Structures are given as C-alpha cells and as structure tokens.
Amino acid sequence: MGSEAGYYRSFSDAGKVGTIVPLDNAEAAAAAARALLDRTDMIAGAARETALTRFSARAEAEGIDAVYQSLWQG
C-alpha cells in the first residue's frame, strides 16, 4: 500500500500486488491495508515475481545499460 507520491504506483504493478491511496487520506490507507492483509495469500507470489523481474538489481543494471547503449548509438 502506498500513496500517489513517488514511484509507488509502479511498485504496485498497476494494482496487481498493491494498492495506491490518495495523499492525506488516512481512512483510505487503513481500508487499503486491511484489504491487502485479507488477501496476502493471493498476492504474495505475484509480489515476489514483480520484485524479481521488474525491480531486481539485474533489471536495474539492464535498464541502465539500455540507456547508455542508446546514447552511444546516437
């Protein structure tokens, strides 16, 4: 569960493994936290897969390499 600030929407994988709530809305945050806790068994595997494929050190290095390759190729 995260807010609209920063990169949290991407971490949630478009709601597949998390929930985004509006800033400064404690009630929405509490409701989202309760909902996530009620379905941890359903999202645990998907969250792990998202972390490994999209946010791993390897994925980060490959992304940085792609940027440099595009710069060098003009």
N, C-alpha and C. Protein backbone atom coordinates (compact mmCIF):
# COMPACT_ATOMS: atom_id res chain seq x y z
N MET A 1 0.85 -1.15 0.00
CA MET A 1 0.00 0.00 0.00
C MET A 1 0.90 1.21 0.00
N GLY A 2 0.64 2.13 -0.90
CA GLY A 2 1.42 3.36 -0.98
C GLY A 2 0.53 4.51 -1.39
N SER A 3 1.14 5.69 -1.44
CA SER A 3 0.38 6.88 -1.82
C SER A 3 0.73 7.29 -3.24
N GLU A 4 0.07 8.32 -3.71
CA GLU A 4 0.31 8.85 -5.05
C GLU A 4 1.69 9.49 -5.20
N ALA A 5 2.39 9.66 -4.11
CA ALA A 5 3.72 10.29 -4.17
C ALA A 5 4.77 9.28 -4.62
N GLY A 6 5.72 9.75 -5.37
CA GLY A 6 6.86 8.91 -5.73
C GLY A 6 6.53 7.82 -6.74
N TYR A 7 7.20 6.71 -6.58
CA TYR A 7 7.19 5.63 -7.56
C TYR A 7 6.31 4.47 -7.13
N TYR A 8 5.48 4.66 -6.12
CA TYR A 8 4.70 3.56 -5.57
C TYR A 8 3.74 2.92 -6.55
N ARG A 9 3.19 3.69 -7.47
CA ARG A 9 2.24 3.12 -8.44
C ARG A 9 2.92 2.02 -9.24
N SER A 10 4.15 2.24 -9.64
CA SER A 10 4.87 1.22 -10.40
C SER A 10 5.14 -0.01 -9.54
N PHE A 11 5.49 0.21 -8.28
CA PHE A 11 5.73 -0.91 -7.37
C PHE A 11 4.48 -1.76 -7.19
N SER A 12 3.32 -1.14 -7.26
CA SER A 12 2.07 -1.89 -7.06
C SER A 12 1.72 -2.74 -8.27
N ASP A 13 2.46 -2.56 -9.36
CA ASP A 13 2.21 -3.29 -10.61
C ASP A 13 0.76 -3.10 -11.05
N ALA A 14 0.37 -1.84 -11.14
CA ALA A 14 -0.97 -1.45 -11.57
C ALA A 14 -2.07 -2.09 -10.73
N GLY A 15 -1.82 -2.18 -9.42
CA GLY A 15 -2.81 -2.72 -8.51
C GLY A 15 -2.78 -4.23 -8.34
N LYS A 16 -1.93 -4.91 -9.11
CA LYS A 16 -1.86 -6.37 -9.04
C LYS A 16 -1.30 -6.85 -7.71
N VAL A 17 -0.33 -6.13 -7.17
CA VAL A 17 0.33 -6.58 -5.94
C VAL A 17 0.31 -5.51 -4.85
N GLY A 18 -0.48 -4.51 -5.02
CA GLY A 18 -0.57 -3.45 -4.03
C GLY A 18 -1.68 -2.49 -4.37
N THR A 19 -1.85 -1.51 -3.50
CA THR A 19 -2.92 -0.53 -3.66
C THR A 19 -2.35 0.87 -3.47
N ILE A 20 -2.80 1.79 -4.28
CA ILE A 20 -2.40 3.19 -4.18
C ILE A 20 -3.57 3.97 -3.60
N VAL A 21 -3.28 4.80 -2.61
CA VAL A 21 -4.32 5.62 -1.99
C VAL A 21 -3.95 7.09 -2.13
N PRO A 22 -4.93 7.97 -2.07
CA PRO A 22 -4.64 9.41 -2.16
C PRO A 22 -3.79 9.88 -0.97
N LEU A 23 -3.01 10.89 -1.21
CA LEU A 23 -2.24 11.51 -0.13
C LEU A 23 -3.18 12.07 0.92
N ASP A 24 -2.75 12.08 2.15
CA ASP A 24 -3.52 12.68 3.24
C ASP A 24 -4.90 12.09 3.44
N ASN A 25 -5.05 10.80 3.17
CA ASN A 25 -6.34 10.15 3.39
C ASN A 25 -6.11 8.90 4.25
N ALA A 26 -6.08 9.12 5.54
CA ALA A 26 -5.79 8.03 6.48
C ALA A 26 -6.85 6.93 6.43
N GLU A 27 -8.09 7.30 6.23
CA GLU A 27 -9.15 6.30 6.18
C GLU A 27 -8.96 5.37 4.98
N ALA A 28 -8.61 5.95 3.83
CA ALA A 28 -8.36 5.12 2.64
C ALA A 28 -7.14 4.23 2.85
N ALA A 29 -6.13 4.76 3.50
CA ALA A 29 -4.92 3.97 3.78
C ALA A 29 -5.25 2.80 4.70
N ALA A 30 -6.02 3.03 5.73
CA ALA A 30 -6.40 1.97 6.66
C ALA A 30 -7.23 0.90 5.95
N ALA A 31 -8.17 1.33 5.13
CA ALA A 31 -9.01 0.37 4.39
C ALA A 31 -8.17 -0.44 3.41
N ALA A 32 -7.24 0.21 2.74
CA ALA A 32 -6.38 -0.50 1.79
C ALA A 32 -5.47 -1.49 2.51
N ALA A 33 -4.95 -1.11 3.66
CA ALA A 33 -4.10 -2.01 4.43
C ALA A 33 -4.89 -3.24 4.87
N ARG A 34 -6.12 -3.03 5.35
CA ARG A 34 -6.97 -4.16 5.75
C ARG A 34 -7.24 -5.09 4.57
N ALA A 35 -7.54 -4.50 3.43
CA ALA A 35 -7.84 -5.30 2.24
C ALA A 35 -6.63 -6.12 1.80
N LEU A 36 -5.45 -5.51 1.85
CA LEU A 36 -4.24 -6.25 1.48
C LEU A 36 -3.96 -7.38 2.46
N LEU A 37 -4.15 -7.13 3.73
CA LEU A 37 -3.91 -8.17 4.73
C LEU A 37 -4.88 -9.34 4.57
N ASP A 38 -6.06 -9.06 4.06
CA ASP A 38 -7.05 -10.11 3.83
C ASP A 38 -6.71 -10.99 2.63
N ARG A 39 -5.82 -10.54 1.76
CA ARG A 39 -5.51 -11.33 0.56
C ARG A 39 -4.02 -11.59 0.37
N THR A 40 -3.26 -11.63 1.47
CA THR A 40 -1.81 -11.85 1.34
C THR A 40 -1.49 -13.15 0.65
N ASP A 41 -2.29 -14.19 0.88
CA ASP A 41 -2.01 -15.47 0.23
C ASP A 41 -2.17 -15.37 -1.28
N MET A 42 -3.01 -14.49 -1.77
CA MET A 42 -3.24 -14.36 -3.20
C MET A 42 -2.21 -13.47 -3.88
N ILE A 43 -1.62 -12.53 -3.15
CA ILE A 43 -0.71 -11.59 -3.80
C ILE A 43 0.76 -11.86 -3.51
N ALA A 44 1.07 -12.74 -2.57
CA ALA A 44 2.47 -12.96 -2.19
C ALA A 44 3.32 -13.41 -3.37
N GLY A 45 2.85 -14.41 -4.10
CA GLY A 45 3.62 -14.91 -5.25
C GLY A 45 3.77 -13.86 -6.33
N ALA A 46 2.69 -13.14 -6.61
CA ALA A 46 2.74 -12.09 -7.63
C ALA A 46 3.67 -10.96 -7.22
N ALA A 47 3.66 -10.62 -5.93
CA ALA A 47 4.55 -9.56 -5.44
C ALA A 47 6.00 -9.97 -5.58
N ARG A 48 6.30 -11.21 -5.25
CA ARG A 48 7.67 -11.70 -5.38
C ARG A 48 8.11 -11.68 -6.84
N GLU A 49 7.25 -12.14 -7.73
CA GLU A 49 7.57 -12.15 -9.16
C GLU A 49 7.80 -10.72 -9.68
N THR A 50 6.96 -9.79 -9.27
CA THR A 50 7.14 -8.40 -9.68
C THR A 50 8.48 -7.86 -9.19
N ALA A 51 8.80 -8.14 -7.93
CA ALA A 51 10.07 -7.67 -7.37
C ALA A 51 11.26 -8.25 -8.11
N LEU A 52 11.21 -9.54 -8.42
CA LEU A 52 12.33 -10.19 -9.08
C LEU A 52 12.50 -9.77 -10.53
N THR A 53 11.40 -9.58 -11.24
CA THR A 53 11.50 -9.28 -12.66
C THR A 53 11.61 -7.80 -12.99
N ARG A 54 10.97 -6.96 -12.19
CA ARG A 54 10.95 -5.53 -12.52
C ARG A 54 11.88 -4.68 -11.68
N PHE A 55 12.20 -5.13 -10.46
CA PHE A 55 12.94 -4.27 -9.55
C PHE A 55 14.19 -4.93 -8.98
N SER A 56 14.67 -5.96 -9.62
CA SER A 56 15.88 -6.62 -9.15
C SER A 56 17.11 -5.80 -9.56
N ALA A 57 18.24 -6.13 -8.97
CA ALA A 57 19.49 -5.48 -9.35
C ALA A 57 19.79 -5.74 -10.82
N ARG A 58 19.49 -6.93 -11.29
CA ARG A 58 19.71 -7.27 -12.71
C ARG A 58 18.85 -6.38 -13.61
N ALA A 59 17.58 -6.22 -13.27
CA ALA A 59 16.69 -5.38 -14.08
C ALA A 59 17.18 -3.94 -14.09
N GLU A 60 17.65 -3.46 -12.95
CA GLU A 60 18.19 -2.10 -12.86
C GLU A 60 19.42 -1.95 -13.75
N ALA A 61 20.33 -2.90 -13.68
CA ALA A 61 21.55 -2.85 -14.50
C ALA A 61 21.21 -2.91 -15.99
N GLU A 62 20.27 -3.76 -16.35
CA GLU A 62 19.87 -3.86 -17.76
C GLU A 62 19.24 -2.56 -18.24
N GLY A 63 18.46 -1.92 -17.40
CA GLY A 63 17.86 -0.64 -17.76
C GLY A 63 18.90 0.45 -17.96
N ILE A 64 19.87 0.51 -17.06
CA ILE A 64 20.95 1.49 -17.19
C ILE A 64 21.76 1.22 -18.45
N ASP A 65 22.07 -0.05 -18.70
CA ASP A 65 22.82 -0.42 -19.91
C ASP A 65 22.06 0.00 -21.17
N ALA A 66 20.75 -0.21 -21.19
CA ALA A 66 19.95 0.17 -22.35
C ALA A 66 20.03 1.66 -22.62
N VAL A 67 20.03 2.47 -21.55
CA VAL A 67 20.13 3.92 -21.72
C VAL A 67 21.48 4.28 -22.33
N TYR A 68 22.55 3.73 -21.79
CA TYR A 68 23.89 4.03 -22.33
C TYR A 68 24.04 3.53 -23.76
N GLN A 69 23.52 2.36 -24.06
CA GLN A 69 23.62 1.83 -25.43
C GLN A 69 22.91 2.76 -26.40
N SER A 70 21.74 3.27 -26.03
CA SER A 70 21.00 4.17 -26.92
C SER A 70 21.75 5.49 -27.09
N LEU A 71 22.42 5.96 -26.05
CA LEU A 71 23.19 7.20 -26.16
C LEU A 71 24.40 7.02 -27.07
N TRP A 72 25.08 5.89 -26.93
CA TRP A 72 26.28 5.65 -27.74
C TRP A 72 25.95 5.40 -29.20
N GLN A 73 24.78 4.87 -29.46
CA GLN A 73 24.40 4.59 -30.84
C GLN A 73 23.79 5.81 -31.53
N GLY A 74 23.61 6.87 -30.76
CA GLY A 74 23.17 8.13 -31.33
C GLY A 74 21.73 8.21 -31.56
